[in-house]
C-alpha atoms as a PDB file:
ATOM      1  CA  MET A   1     -12.128 -30.890  33.553  1.00  0.00           C
ATOM      2  CA  LYS A   2      -9.823 -28.230  31.905  1.00  0.00           C
ATOM      3  CA  ILE A   3     -11.248 -27.822  28.258  1.00  0.00           C
ATOM      4  CA  ILE A   4     -10.066 -25.625  25.427  1.00  0.00           C
ATOM      5  CA  VAL A   5     -12.267 -25.034  22.059  1.00  0.00           C
ATOM      6  CA  PHE A   6     -10.526 -23.652  19.188  1.00  0.00           C
ATOM      7  CA  GLY A   7     -12.399 -21.900  16.620  1.00  0.00           C
ATOM      8  CA  ALA A   8     -14.757 -19.267  17.491  1.00  0.00           C
ATOM      9  CA  GLY A   9     -17.804 -20.055  14.713  1.00  0.00           C
ATOM     10  CA  ALA A  10     -21.171 -21.249  15.233  1.00  0.00           C
ATOM     11  CA  TRP A  11     -19.944 -24.718  16.214  1.00  0.00           C
ATOM     12  CA  GLY A  12     -16.940 -24.056  18.095  1.00  0.00           C
ATOM     13  CA  THR A  13     -18.989 -21.549  20.139  1.00  0.00           C
ATOM     14  CA  ALA A  14     -21.927 -23.497  21.152  1.00  0.00           C
ATOM     15  CA  ILE A  15     -19.830 -26.463  22.378  1.00  0.00           C
ATOM     16  CA  ALA A  16     -17.723 -24.103  24.558  1.00  0.00           C
ATOM     17  CA  ILE A  17     -20.900 -22.825  25.901  1.00  0.00           C
ATOM     18  CA  SER A  18     -22.413 -26.206  26.818  1.00  0.00           C
ATOM     19  CA  ALA A  19     -19.323 -27.334  28.218  1.00  0.00           C
ATOM     20  CA  ALA A  20     -18.732 -23.954  30.657  1.00  0.00           C
ATOM     21  CA  ASN A  21     -22.442 -24.611  31.694  1.00  0.00           C
ATOM     22  CA  HIS A  22     -21.895 -28.150  32.727  1.00  0.00           C
ATOM     23  CA  PRO A  23     -23.033 -28.865  36.101  1.00  0.00           C
ATOM     24  CA  ALA A  24     -19.083 -30.251  36.828  1.00  0.00           C
ATOM     25  CA  GLY A  25     -17.992 -26.926  36.814  1.00  0.00           C
ATOM     26  CA  HIS A  26     -15.599 -27.302  33.552  1.00  0.00           C
ATOM     27  CA  ALA A  27     -12.807 -24.390  33.197  1.00  0.00           C
ATOM     28  CA  VAL A  28     -13.158 -23.840  29.272  1.00  0.00           C
ATOM     29  CA  THR A  29     -11.527 -21.416  26.883  1.00  0.00           C
ATOM     30  CA  LEU A  30     -12.679 -20.574  23.755  1.00  0.00           C
ATOM     31  CA  TRP A  31      -9.868 -19.612  20.947  1.00  0.00           C
ATOM     32  CA  ALA A  32     -10.764 -17.280  18.238  1.00  0.00           C
ATOM     33  CA  ARG A  33      -8.167 -16.611  15.445  1.00  0.00           C
ATOM     34  CA  ASP A  34      -9.377 -13.229  15.228  1.00  0.00           C
ATOM     35  CA  PRO A  35      -8.029 -10.296  17.980  1.00  0.00           C
ATOM     36  CA  ALA A  36     -10.864  -8.435  16.699  1.00  0.00           C
ATOM     37  CA  GLN A  37     -13.491 -10.895  16.944  1.00  0.00           C
ATOM     38  CA  ILE A  38     -12.565 -11.819  20.711  1.00  0.00           C
ATOM     39  CA  MET A  39     -12.323  -8.042  21.835  1.00  0.00           C
ATOM     40  CA  ALA A  40     -15.910  -8.066  20.585  1.00  0.00           C
ATOM     41  CA  MET A  41     -17.114 -10.944  21.887  1.00  0.00           C
ATOM     42  CA  GLN A  42     -15.783 -10.008  25.059  1.00  0.00           C
ATOM     43  CA  ALA A  43     -17.363  -6.280  25.228  1.00  0.00           C
ATOM     44  CA  ALA A  44     -20.711  -7.849  24.435  1.00  0.00           C
ATOM     45  CA  ARG A  45     -20.868 -11.286  26.099  1.00  0.00           C
ATOM     46  CA  GLU A  46     -22.058 -12.788  23.250  1.00  0.00           C
ATOM     47  CA  ASN A  47     -20.781 -14.219  19.233  1.00  0.00           C
ATOM     48  CA  ALA A  48     -22.810 -11.282  17.995  1.00  0.00           C
ATOM     49  CA  ARG A  49     -21.853 -12.634  14.175  1.00  0.00           C
ATOM     50  CA  TYR A  50     -22.571 -16.329  14.562  1.00  0.00           C
ATOM     51  CA  LEU A  51     -24.818 -16.485  17.564  1.00  0.00           C
ATOM     52  CA  PRO A  52     -26.582 -13.268  18.343  1.00  0.00           C
ATOM     53  CA  GLY A  53     -28.600 -13.390  21.391  1.00  0.00           C
ATOM     54  CA  VAL A  54     -27.195 -16.418  23.404  1.00  0.00           C
ATOM     55  CA  ALA A  55     -25.271 -15.109  26.319  1.00  0.00           C
ATOM     56  CA  LEU A  56     -21.279 -16.343  26.535  1.00  0.00           C
ATOM     57  CA  PRO A  57     -21.690 -18.229  30.236  1.00  0.00           C
ATOM     58  CA  ALA A  58     -19.489 -15.516  32.897  1.00  0.00           C
ATOM     59  CA  SER A  59     -16.716 -18.244  33.439  1.00  0.00           C
ATOM     60  CA  LEU A  60     -16.429 -18.959  29.786  1.00  0.00           C
ATOM     61  CA  ALA A  61     -12.683 -17.240  29.137  1.00  0.00           C
ATOM     62  CA  LEU A  62     -11.898 -15.744  25.441  1.00  0.00           C
ATOM     63  CA  VAL A  63      -8.389 -16.017  24.225  1.00  0.00           C
ATOM     64  CA  SER A  64      -6.486 -15.363  20.834  1.00  0.00           C
ATOM     65  CA  GLY A  65      -2.843 -15.544  19.731  1.00  0.00           C
ATOM     66  CA  ALA A  66      -0.534 -18.217  19.804  1.00  0.00           C
ATOM     67  CA  PRO A  67      -1.233 -21.046  22.519  1.00  0.00           C
ATOM     68  CA  GLY A  68      -0.003 -19.620  25.999  1.00  0.00           C
ATOM     69  CA  ALA A  69       0.342 -20.428  29.420  1.00  0.00           C
ATOM     70  CA  TRP A  70      -3.615 -20.873  28.807  1.00  0.00           C
ATOM     71  CA  LEU A  71      -2.873 -24.142  26.927  1.00  0.00           C
ATOM     72  CA  ASP A  72      -1.189 -25.802  30.213  1.00  0.00           C
ATOM     73  CA  GLY A  73      -2.800 -28.655  32.010  1.00  0.00           C
ATOM     74  CA  ALA A  74      -5.694 -28.971  29.487  1.00  0.00           C
ATOM     75  CA  ASP A  75      -7.487 -32.311  29.716  1.00  0.00           C
ATOM     76  CA  LEU A  76      -9.217 -31.988  26.373  1.00  0.00           C
ATOM     77  CA  LEU A  77      -8.397 -29.837  22.971  1.00  0.00           C
ATOM     78  CA  VAL A  78     -11.647 -29.292  20.770  1.00  0.00           C
ATOM     79  CA  LEU A  79     -11.037 -28.334  17.162  1.00  0.00           C
ATOM     80  CA  GLY A  80     -14.307 -26.353  16.188  1.00  0.00           C
ATOM     81  CA  THR A  81     -13.363 -25.094  12.961  1.00  0.00           C
ATOM     82  CA  PRO A  82     -13.880 -25.804   9.430  1.00  0.00           C
ATOM     83  CA  MET A  83     -12.481 -28.886   7.662  1.00  0.00           C
ATOM     84  CA  ALA A  84     -10.099 -26.415   5.382  1.00  0.00           C
ATOM     85  CA  ALA A  85      -8.269 -25.444   9.061  1.00  0.00           C
ATOM     86  CA  LEU A  86      -8.135 -28.719  10.211  1.00  0.00           C
ATOM     87  CA  ARG A  87      -4.464 -30.033   8.574  1.00  0.00           C
ATOM     88  CA  PRO A  88      -2.812 -26.361   9.981  1.00  0.00           C
ATOM     89  CA  MET A  89      -4.728 -26.623  13.473  1.00  0.00           C
ATOM     90  CA  LEU A  90      -3.490 -30.088  13.827  1.00  0.00           C
ATOM     91  CA  GLU A  91       0.288 -28.842  12.880  1.00  0.00           C
ATOM     92  CA  LEU A  92       0.269 -26.304  15.579  1.00  0.00           C
ATOM     93  CA  LEU A  93      -0.750 -28.684  18.212  1.00  0.00           C
ATOM     94  CA  ARG A  94       1.012 -31.616  17.002  1.00  0.00           C
ATOM     95  CA  ASP A  95       3.425 -31.570  20.214  1.00  0.00           C
ATOM     96  CA  SER A  96       0.387 -32.203  22.583  1.00  0.00           C
ATOM     97  CA  ARG A  97      -0.233 -35.372  24.113  1.00  0.00           C
ATOM     98  CA  VAL A  98      -3.612 -34.247  25.242  1.00  0.00           C
ATOM     99  CA  PRO A  99      -7.220 -36.034  24.122  1.00  0.00           C
ATOM    100  CA  LEU A 100      -8.100 -34.209  21.099  1.00  0.00           C
ATOM    101  CA  ALA A 101     -11.760 -34.098  19.079  1.00  0.00           C
ATOM    102  CA  TRP A 102     -12.504 -32.079  15.821  1.00  0.00           C
ATOM    103  CA  LEU A 103     -16.013 -31.040  15.096  1.00  0.00           C
ATOM    104  CA  CYS A 104     -15.731 -30.650  11.422  1.00  0.00           C
ATOM    105  CA  LYS A 105     -17.399 -32.991   9.068  1.00  0.00           C
ATOM    106  CA  GLY A 106     -16.562 -33.009   5.194  1.00  0.00           C
ATOM    107  CA  PHE A 107     -13.202 -34.487   3.024  1.00  0.00           C
ATOM    108  CA  GLU A 108     -10.181 -32.016   2.789  1.00  0.00           C
ATOM    109  CA  PRO A 109      -9.549 -30.581  -0.935  1.00  0.00           C
ATOM    110  CA  PRO A 110      -6.823 -32.927  -2.785  1.00  0.00           C
ATOM    111  CA  ALA A 111      -3.733 -32.083  -2.388  1.00  0.00           C
ATOM    112  CA  PRO A 112      -1.693 -30.703  -5.499  1.00  0.00           C
ATOM    113  CA  GLY A 113      -0.885 -33.650  -7.415  1.00  0.00           C
ATOM    114  CA  SER A 114      -3.340 -36.263  -5.590  1.00  0.00           C
ATOM    115  CA  ALA A 115      -7.306 -37.052  -7.099  1.00  0.00           C
ATOM    116  CA  LEU A 116      -8.716 -37.484  -3.974  1.00  0.00           C
ATOM    117  CA  GLY A 117      -9.564 -35.598  -0.684  1.00  0.00           C
ATOM    118  CA  LEU A 118      -9.013 -36.808   2.985  1.00  0.00           C
ATOM    119  CA  MET A 119     -11.224 -37.434   5.723  1.00  0.00           C
ATOM    120  CA  ALA A 120      -9.906 -35.613   9.307  1.00  0.00           C
ATOM    121  CA  HIS A 121      -9.140 -38.978  10.544  1.00  0.00           C
ATOM    122  CA  GLU A 122      -6.591 -39.714   7.254  1.00  0.00           C
ATOM    123  CA  ILE A 123      -5.610 -36.099   7.668  1.00  0.00           C
ATOM    124  CA  HIS A 124      -4.464 -36.693  11.501  1.00  0.00           C
ATOM    125  CA  ALA A 125      -2.799 -39.943  10.703  1.00  0.00           C
ATOM    126  CA  GLN A 126      -0.183 -37.962   8.519  1.00  0.00           C
ATOM    127  CA  VAL A 127       0.012 -34.557  10.516  1.00  0.00           C
ATOM    128  CA  ALA A 128      -0.270 -35.398  13.764  1.00  0.00           C
ATOM    129  CA  PRO A 129      -0.706 -39.425  14.664  1.00  0.00           C
ATOM    130  CA  ASP A 130       0.722 -39.390  18.224  1.00  0.00           C
ATOM    131  CA  ILE A 131      -2.534 -37.494  19.197  1.00  0.00           C
ATOM    132  CA  PRO A 132      -5.007 -39.362  21.018  1.00  0.00           C
ATOM    133  CA  ALA A 133      -8.119 -37.984  19.040  1.00  0.00           C
ATOM    134  CA  GLY A 134     -11.601 -38.369  17.388  1.00  0.00           C
ATOM    135  CA  ALA A 135     -14.940 -37.029  16.110  1.00  0.00           C
ATOM    136  CA  LEU A 136     -18.039 -35.310  18.138  1.00  0.00           C
ATOM    137  CA  SER A 137     -20.766 -35.573  15.638  1.00  0.00           C
ATOM    138  CA  GLY A 138     -24.319 -36.067  15.290  1.00  0.00           C
ATOM    139  CA  PRO A 139     -27.629 -34.389  14.336  1.00  0.00           C
ATOM    140  CA  SER A 140     -26.876 -31.148  15.959  1.00  0.00           C
ATOM    141  CA  PHE A 141     -27.930 -27.662  15.244  1.00  0.00           C
ATOM    142  CA  ALA A 142     -25.126 -25.154  16.856  1.00  0.00           C
ATOM    143  CA  LEU A 143     -28.104 -22.439  17.976  1.00  0.00           C
ATOM    144  CA  GLU A 144     -30.141 -25.196  19.392  1.00  0.00           C
ATOM    145  CA  VAL A 145     -27.098 -26.585  21.526  1.00  0.00           C
ATOM    146  CA  ALA A 146     -26.088 -23.028  22.466  1.00  0.00           C
ATOM    147  CA  ARG A 147     -29.866 -22.448  24.122  1.00  0.00           C
ATOM    148  CA  GLY A 148     -29.473 -25.535  25.973  1.00  0.00           C
ATOM    149  CA  GLN A 149     -32.272 -27.900  23.932  1.00  0.00           C
ATOM    150  CA  PRO A 150     -32.042 -31.672  24.092  1.00  0.00           C
ATOM    151  CA  THR A 151     -29.618 -32.977  21.381  1.00  0.00           C
ATOM    152  CA  ALA A 152     -27.905 -36.305  21.204  1.00  0.00           C
ATOM    153  CA  LEU A 153     -24.217 -36.783  19.853  1.00  0.00           C
ATOM    154  CA  VAL A 154     -21.836 -39.410  18.970  1.00  0.00           C
ATOM    155  CA  ALA A 155     -18.169 -39.128  20.277  1.00  0.00           C
ATOM    156  CA  ALA A 156     -16.122 -41.231  18.076  1.00  0.00           C
ATOM    157  CA  SER A 157     -12.821 -42.308  18.551  1.00  0.00           C
ATOM    158  CA  LEU A 158     -10.416 -45.650  18.499  1.00  0.00           C
ATOM    159  CA  HIS A 159      -9.019 -44.684  21.365  1.00  0.00           C
ATOM    160  CA  ALA A 160     -11.265 -45.155  24.436  1.00  0.00           C
ATOM    161  CA  GLY A 161      -9.665 -42.486  26.943  1.00  0.00           C
ATOM    162  CA  VAL A 162     -10.952 -39.705  24.092  1.00  0.00           C
ATOM    163  CA  ARG A 163     -14.275 -41.323  23.540  1.00  0.00           C
ATOM    164  CA  GLN A 164     -14.363 -41.099  27.586  1.00  0.00           C
ATOM    165  CA  ALA A 165     -13.187 -37.699  27.827  1.00  0.00           C
ATOM    166  CA  MET A 166     -15.537 -36.176  25.295  1.00  0.00           C
ATOM    167  CA  VAL A 167     -18.426 -37.470  27.064  1.00  0.00           C
ATOM    168  CA  GLN A 168     -17.227 -36.634  30.594  1.00  0.00           C
ATOM    169  CA  ALA A 169     -16.946 -33.105  29.181  1.00  0.00           C
ATOM    170  CA  LEU A 170     -20.198 -32.366  27.678  1.00  0.00           C
ATOM    171  CA  HIS A 171     -22.881 -35.560  28.505  1.00  0.00           C
ATOM    172  CA  SER A 172     -25.333 -33.731  30.677  1.00  0.00           C
ATOM    173  CA  ALA A 173     -29.359 -33.335  31.290  1.00  0.00           C
ATOM    174  CA  GLN A 174     -29.744 -31.708  28.067  1.00  0.00           C
ATOM    175  CA  LEU A 175     -26.624 -33.077  25.977  1.00  0.00           C
ATOM    176  CA  ARG A 176     -26.693 -36.673  25.806  1.00  0.00           C
ATOM    177  CA  VAL A 177     -23.241 -38.328  24.453  1.00  0.00           C
ATOM    178  CA  TYR A 178     -22.799 -41.874  22.792  1.00  0.00           C
ATOM    179  CA  ALA A 179     -19.024 -43.663  22.303  1.00  0.00           C
ATOM    180  CA  ASN A 180     -18.791 -45.347  19.181  1.00  0.00           C
ATOM    181  CA  ASP A 181     -15.096 -46.791  18.001  1.00  0.00           C
ATOM    182  CA  ASP A 182     -16.333 -46.780  14.610  1.00  0.00           C
ATOM    183  CA  LEU A 183     -14.871 -43.533  13.499  1.00  0.00           C
ATOM    184  CA  VAL A 184     -14.629 -44.383   9.866  1.00  0.00           C
ATOM    185  CA  GLY A 185     -18.634 -44.658   9.766  1.00  0.00           C
ATOM    186  CA  VAL A 186     -19.465 -41.757  11.955  1.00  0.00           C
ATOM    187  CA  GLU A 187     -16.694 -39.341   9.716  1.00  0.00           C
ATOM    188  CA  VAL A 188     -18.476 -40.894   6.218  1.00  0.00           C
ATOM    189  CA  GLY A 189     -21.835 -40.134   7.767  1.00  0.00           C
ATOM    190  CA  GLY A 190     -21.321 -36.778   8.383  1.00  0.00           C
ATOM    191  CA  ALA A 191     -19.439 -36.231   5.165  1.00  0.00           C
ATOM    192  CA  VAL A 192     -22.046 -37.305   2.703  1.00  0.00           C
ATOM    193  CA  LYS A 193     -25.267 -36.034   4.697  1.00  0.00           C
ATOM    194  CA  ASN A 194     -24.339 -32.310   3.485  1.00  0.00           C
ATOM    195  CA  LEU A 195     -24.314 -33.023  -0.215  1.00  0.00           C
ATOM    196  CA  LEU A 196     -27.521 -35.131   0.097  1.00  0.00           C
ATOM    197  CA  ALA A 197     -28.549 -32.065   2.297  1.00  0.00           C
ATOM    198  CA  ILE A 198     -28.429 -29.861  -0.825  1.00  0.00           C
ATOM    199  CA  ALA A 199     -30.292 -32.354  -2.423  1.00  0.00           C
ATOM    200  CA  THR A 200     -33.368 -32.410  -0.786  1.00  0.00           C
ATOM    201  CA  GLY A 201     -33.236 -28.369  -0.557  1.00  0.00           C
ATOM    202  CA  LEU A 202     -33.205 -28.485  -4.263  1.00  0.00           C
ATOM    203  CA  CYS A 203     -36.167 -30.995  -4.220  1.00  0.00           C
ATOM    204  CA  ASP A 204     -38.297 -28.913  -1.466  1.00  0.00           C
ATOM    205  CA  GLY A 205     -37.421 -25.622  -3.420  1.00  0.00           C
ATOM    206  CA  LEU A 206     -38.803 -27.331  -6.548  1.00  0.00           C
ATOM    207  CA  ALA A 207     -42.201 -28.435  -4.640  1.00  0.00           C
ATOM    208  CA  LEU A 208     -41.710 -31.807  -5.588  1.00  0.00           C
ATOM    209  CA  GLY A 209     -43.302 -33.158  -2.577  1.00  0.00           C
ATOM    210  CA  LEU A 210     -43.418 -35.481   0.816  1.00  0.00           C
ATOM    211  CA  ASN A 211     -43.238 -38.170  -1.358  1.00  0.00           C
ATOM    212  CA  ALA A 212     -39.942 -37.170  -3.514  1.00  0.00           C
ATOM    213  CA  ARG A 213     -38.124 -35.858  -0.102  1.00  0.00           C
ATOM    214  CA  ALA A 214     -38.534 -39.046   1.477  1.00  0.00           C
ATOM    215  CA  ALA A 215     -37.296 -40.946  -1.067  1.00  0.00           C
ATOM    216  CA  LEU A 216     -34.419 -39.157  -1.530  1.00  0.00           C
ATOM    217  CA  ILE A 217     -33.639 -39.290   1.759  1.00  0.00           C
ATOM    218  CA  THR A 218     -33.788 -42.735   2.135  1.00  0.00           C
ATOM    219  CA  ARG A 219     -31.857 -43.721  -1.553  1.00  0.00           C
ATOM    220  CA  GLY A 220     -29.221 -40.813   0.109  1.00  0.00           C
ATOM    221  CA  LEU A 221     -28.572 -43.381   3.102  1.00  0.00           C
ATOM    222  CA  ALA A 222     -28.406 -46.020   0.802  1.00  0.00           C
ATOM    223  CA  GLU A 223     -25.433 -44.485  -0.908  1.00  0.00           C
ATOM    224  CA  MET A 224     -23.890 -43.085   2.415  1.00  0.00           C
ATOM    225  CA  THR A 225     -23.855 -46.658   3.761  1.00  0.00           C
ATOM    226  CA  ARG A 226     -22.331 -48.206   0.452  1.00  0.00           C
ATOM    227  CA  LEU A 227     -19.602 -45.383   0.736  1.00  0.00           C
ATOM    228  CA  GLY A 228     -18.807 -46.373   4.507  1.00  0.00           C
ATOM    229  CA  LEU A 229     -18.475 -49.445   3.818  1.00  0.00           C
ATOM    230  CA  ALA A 230     -16.424 -49.378   0.976  1.00  0.00           C
ATOM    231  CA  LEU A 231     -13.916 -47.295   3.493  1.00  0.00           C
ATOM    232  CA  GLY A 232     -14.045 -49.970   6.474  1.00  0.00           C
ATOM    233  CA  ALA A 233     -17.413 -48.614   8.045  1.00  0.00           C
ATOM    234  CA  ARG A 234     -19.536 -50.986  10.064  1.00  0.00           C
ATOM    235  CA  ALA A 235     -23.655 -50.855   8.702  1.00  0.00           C
ATOM    236  CA  GLU A 236     -24.976 -50.435  11.657  1.00  0.00           C
ATOM    237  CA  THR A 237     -23.362 -47.083  12.267  1.00  0.00           C
ATOM    238  CA  PHE A 238     -25.392 -45.651   9.339  1.00  0.00           C
ATOM    239  CA  MET A 239     -28.627 -46.267  11.233  1.00  0.00           C
ATOM    240  CA  GLY A 240     -27.776 -44.516  14.073  1.00  0.00           C
ATOM    241  CA  LEU A 241     -27.283 -40.551  14.816  1.00  0.00           C
ATOM    242  CA  SER A 242     -24.072 -40.027  12.883  1.00  0.00           C
ATOM    243  CA  GLY A 243     -25.987 -41.477   9.827  1.00  0.00           C
ATOM    244  CA  LEU A 244     -29.655 -41.414   9.959  1.00  0.00           C
ATOM    245  CA  GLY A 245     -29.970 -39.250  12.503  1.00  0.00           C
ATOM    246  CA  ASP A 246     -27.753 -36.086  11.137  1.00  0.00           C
ATOM    247  CA  LEU A 247     -29.100 -36.919   7.678  1.00  0.00           C
ATOM    248  CA  VAL A 248     -32.856 -36.599   8.595  1.00  0.00           C
ATOM    249  CA  LEU A 249     -31.570 -33.322  10.590  1.00  0.00           C
ATOM    250  CA  THR A 250     -29.825 -31.859   7.695  1.00  0.00           C
ATOM    251  CA  ALA A 251     -31.645 -32.524   4.807  1.00  0.00           C
ATOM    252  CA  THR A 252     -35.032 -30.930   6.983  1.00  0.00           C
ATOM    253  CA  GLY A 253     -34.113 -28.774   9.102  1.00  0.00           C
ATOM    254  CA  ASP A 254     -34.559 -25.032   8.693  1.00  0.00           C
ATOM    255  CA  LEU A 255     -31.247 -24.205  10.361  1.00  0.00           C
ATOM    256  CA  SER A 256     -29.644 -26.176   7.965  1.00  0.00           C
ATOM    257  CA  ARG A 257     -26.847 -24.001   5.627  1.00  0.00           C
ATOM    258  CA  ASN A 258     -26.788 -27.058   2.959  1.00  0.00           C
ATOM    259  CA  ARG A 259     -30.637 -27.677   2.699  1.00  0.00           C
ATOM    260  CA  LYS A 260     -30.846 -23.742   2.179  1.00  0.00           C
ATOM    261  CA  VAL A 261     -28.040 -23.887  -0.603  1.00  0.00           C
ATOM    262  CA  GLY A 262     -30.270 -26.032  -2.424  1.00  0.00           C
ATOM    263  CA  LEU A 263     -33.830 -23.945  -1.943  1.00  0.00           C
ATOM    264  CA  LEU A 264     -31.334 -21.280  -3.327  1.00  0.00           C
ATOM    265  CA  LEU A 265     -30.491 -23.143  -6.687  1.00  0.00           C
ATOM    266  CA  ALA A 266     -34.034 -24.200  -7.207  1.00  0.00           C
ATOM    267  CA  GLN A 267     -34.857 -20.393  -6.890  1.00  0.00           C
ATOM    268  CA  GLY A 268     -32.326 -19.637  -9.862  1.00  0.00           C
ATOM    269  CA  LEU A 269     -29.549 -18.371  -7.884  1.00  0.00           C
ATOM    270  CA  GLY A 270     -25.808 -19.807  -8.826  1.00  0.00           C
ATOM    271  CA  VAL A 271     -23.661 -21.833  -6.161  1.00  0.00           C
ATOM    272  CA  GLN A 272     -21.535 -18.460  -5.780  1.00  0.00           C
ATOM    273  CA  GLN A 273     -24.501 -16.644  -5.129  1.00  0.00           C
ATOM    274  CA  ALA A 274     -26.012 -19.148  -2.660  1.00  0.00           C
ATOM    275  CA  VAL A 275     -23.047 -19.445  -0.792  1.00  0.00           C
ATOM    276  CA  GLN A 276     -22.265 -15.492  -0.632  1.00  0.00           C
ATOM    277  CA  SER A 277     -25.869 -15.097   0.231  1.00  0.00           C
ATOM    278  CA  LEU A 278     -25.428 -17.568   3.414  1.00  0.00           C
ATOM    279  CA  GLY A 279     -22.481 -15.507   5.712  1.00  0.00           C
ATOM    280  CA  HIS A 280     -21.594 -19.302   6.904  1.00  0.00           C
ATOM    281  CA  VAL A 281     -19.560 -22.332   5.683  1.00  0.00           C
ATOM    282  CA  ALA A 282     -21.797 -24.774   3.955  1.00  0.00           C
ATOM    283  CA  GLU A 283     -19.256 -27.630   3.788  1.00  0.00           C
ATOM    284  CA  GLY A 284     -21.326 -29.619   1.333  1.00  0.00           C
ATOM    285  CA  VAL A 285     -20.385 -27.288  -1.334  1.00  0.00           C
ATOM    286  CA  TYR A 286     -16.949 -27.919  -1.056  1.00  0.00           C
ATOM    287  CA  SER A 287     -16.916 -31.851  -0.187  1.00  0.00           C
ATOM    288  CA  ALA A 288     -19.468 -32.958  -2.963  1.00  0.00           C
ATOM    289  CA  ARG A 289     -16.514 -33.402  -5.351  1.00  0.00           C
ATOM    290  CA  THR A 290     -14.511 -34.995  -3.122  1.00  0.00           C
ATOM    291  CA  VAL A 291     -16.826 -37.327  -1.654  1.00  0.00           C
ATOM    292  CA  LEU A 292     -17.718 -38.546  -5.193  1.00  0.00           C
ATOM    293  CA  ALA A 293     -13.851 -38.949  -6.164  1.00  0.00           C
ATOM    294  CA  ARG A 294     -13.546 -41.124  -3.750  1.00  0.00           C
ATOM    295  CA  ALA A 295     -16.144 -43.380  -4.498  1.00  0.00           C
ATOM    296  CA  ARG A 296     -15.508 -43.214  -7.952  1.00  0.00           C
ATOM    297  CA  HIS A 297     -11.625 -44.601  -6.771  1.00  0.00           C
ATOM    298  CA  LEU A 298     -13.894 -47.714  -4.934  1.00  0.00           C
ATOM    299  CA  GLY A 299     -15.921 -48.403  -7.756  1.00  0.00           C
ATOM    300  CA  VAL A 300     -19.040 -47.091  -5.249  1.00  0.00           C
ATOM    301  CA  ASP A 301     -22.348 -45.813  -7.259  1.00  0.00           C
ATOM    302  CA  MET A 302     -23.672 -42.792  -6.112  1.00  0.00           C
ATOM    303  CA  PRO A 303     -26.043 -41.324  -8.461  1.00  0.00           C
ATOM    304  CA  LEU A 304     -27.195 -38.744  -5.957  1.00  0.00           C
ATOM    305  CA  ALA A 305     -23.539 -37.267  -5.671  1.00  0.00           C
ATOM    306  CA  GLU A 306     -23.050 -37.426  -9.219  1.00  0.00           C
ATOM    307  CA  THR A 307     -26.220 -35.323  -9.985  1.00  0.00           C
ATOM    308  CA  VAL A 308     -25.144 -33.008  -7.235  1.00  0.00           C
ATOM    309  CA  VAL A 309     -21.782 -32.157  -8.269  1.00  0.00           C
ATOM    310  CA  ALA A 310     -22.958 -31.591 -12.072  1.00  0.00           C
ATOM    311  CA  LEU A 311     -25.873 -29.468 -10.307  1.00  0.00           C
ATOM    312  CA  LEU A 312     -23.185 -27.285  -8.625  1.00  0.00           C
ATOM    313  CA  ASP A 313     -20.395 -27.478 -11.964  1.00  0.00           C
ATOM    314  CA  GLY A 314     -23.297 -26.055 -13.999  1.00  0.00           C
ATOM    315  CA  GLN A 315     -23.717 -29.046 -15.894  1.00  0.00           C
ATOM    316  CA  LEU A 316     -27.199 -29.515 -15.090  1.00  0.00           C
ATOM    317  CA  GLN A 317     -30.186 -27.006 -14.207  1.00  0.00           C
ATOM    318  CA  PRO A 318     -32.096 -28.307 -11.539  1.00  0.00           C
ATOM    319  CA  ALA A 319     -35.098 -29.242 -13.488  1.00  0.00           C
ATOM    320  CA  ALA A 320     -32.824 -31.244 -15.485  1.00  0.00           C
ATOM    321  CA  ALA A 321     -31.684 -32.692 -12.680  1.00  0.00           C
ATOM    322  CA  VAL A 322     -34.587 -34.256 -11.223  1.00  0.00           C
ATOM    323  CA  GLN A 323     -35.251 -35.757 -14.523  1.00  0.00           C
ATOM    324  CA  ARG A 324     -32.017 -37.388 -14.446  1.00  0.00           C
ATOM    325  CA  LEU A 325     -32.982 -39.299 -11.353  1.00  0.00           C
ATOM    326  CA  MET A 326     -36.308 -40.370 -12.472  1.00  0.00           C
ATOM    327  CA  ALA A 327     -35.030 -41.617 -15.653  1.00  0.00           C
ATOM    328  CA  ARG A 328     -32.655 -44.056 -14.624  1.00  0.00           C
ATOM    329  CA  ASP A 329     -33.178 -47.688 -15.113  1.00  0.00           C
ATOM    330  CA  PRO A 330     -35.343 -49.729 -12.633  1.00  0.00           C
ATOM    331  CA  ARG A 331     -33.176 -51.957  -9.958  1.00  0.00           C
ATOM    332  CA  GLU A 332     -34.222 -53.944  -7.150  1.00  0.00           C
ATOM    333  CA  GLU A 333     -33.557 -52.033  -3.818  1.00  0.00           C
END
């Protein structure tokens, strides 16, 4: 296969490395917006900014600039850019009919005059509905994928051909790829788990204990499922890799940027200080409000999301956030 990966951040680079190392011998090209970054990667044969110490395969081509001949004949396009860049990337590629997969998770900020942000598949429906597309998601840290450590992902799309293309491009002895046609459920899981990881990081940073962490993850999964069902997803999706699996990894793994934000907030840092200290995007900080806005619009109760947003907005201090959750009235599970 000929595979083009757009976006040379940690996740885009990791997927490009995995595809280039595939035993099928795929022809893989990695594109970056910044020509200087590509030049540095070509010279060092590593992505020193995002994945230092991980060598790029010799066969991996590196390009920048406007789409050119290197795009001709592609079998799969992969968008490894953050959610904020998904719309312009789809606009750039809107005339393509090549199967396309996005890696970003979360909600787009609301457009002017709108109260609701959109998920990736909703942006796709607006901008480039004729491109057969879907999401590659699931519990995965970019560094481990780049190193070839065992990982399982979900290829989600309404189009069987897109699911098949993602599986063919990436499924290997190191990276298992499961197909799923519940695109809404997979995307809700990927969006909501980030804000729940902030809450779990806060819990751990305040040394509340493992009981509290387990309760938070379990109740967070319930909130995620309620929102997903209201949006048309299937309940079983949230018990799989893109729901429970991604939530557990992001909420407990030391490589989780969103968890790290919660840990830093517990130490007394402000939101901007916490984000700046990461040096990477923490999608939960940007999508928490849009998740909550969609839940309120649908009448879905999400007390954990409410608390995280109040914390991020400076309306609650960490200790008060915990008190708010523990003081809620008893209810049936």
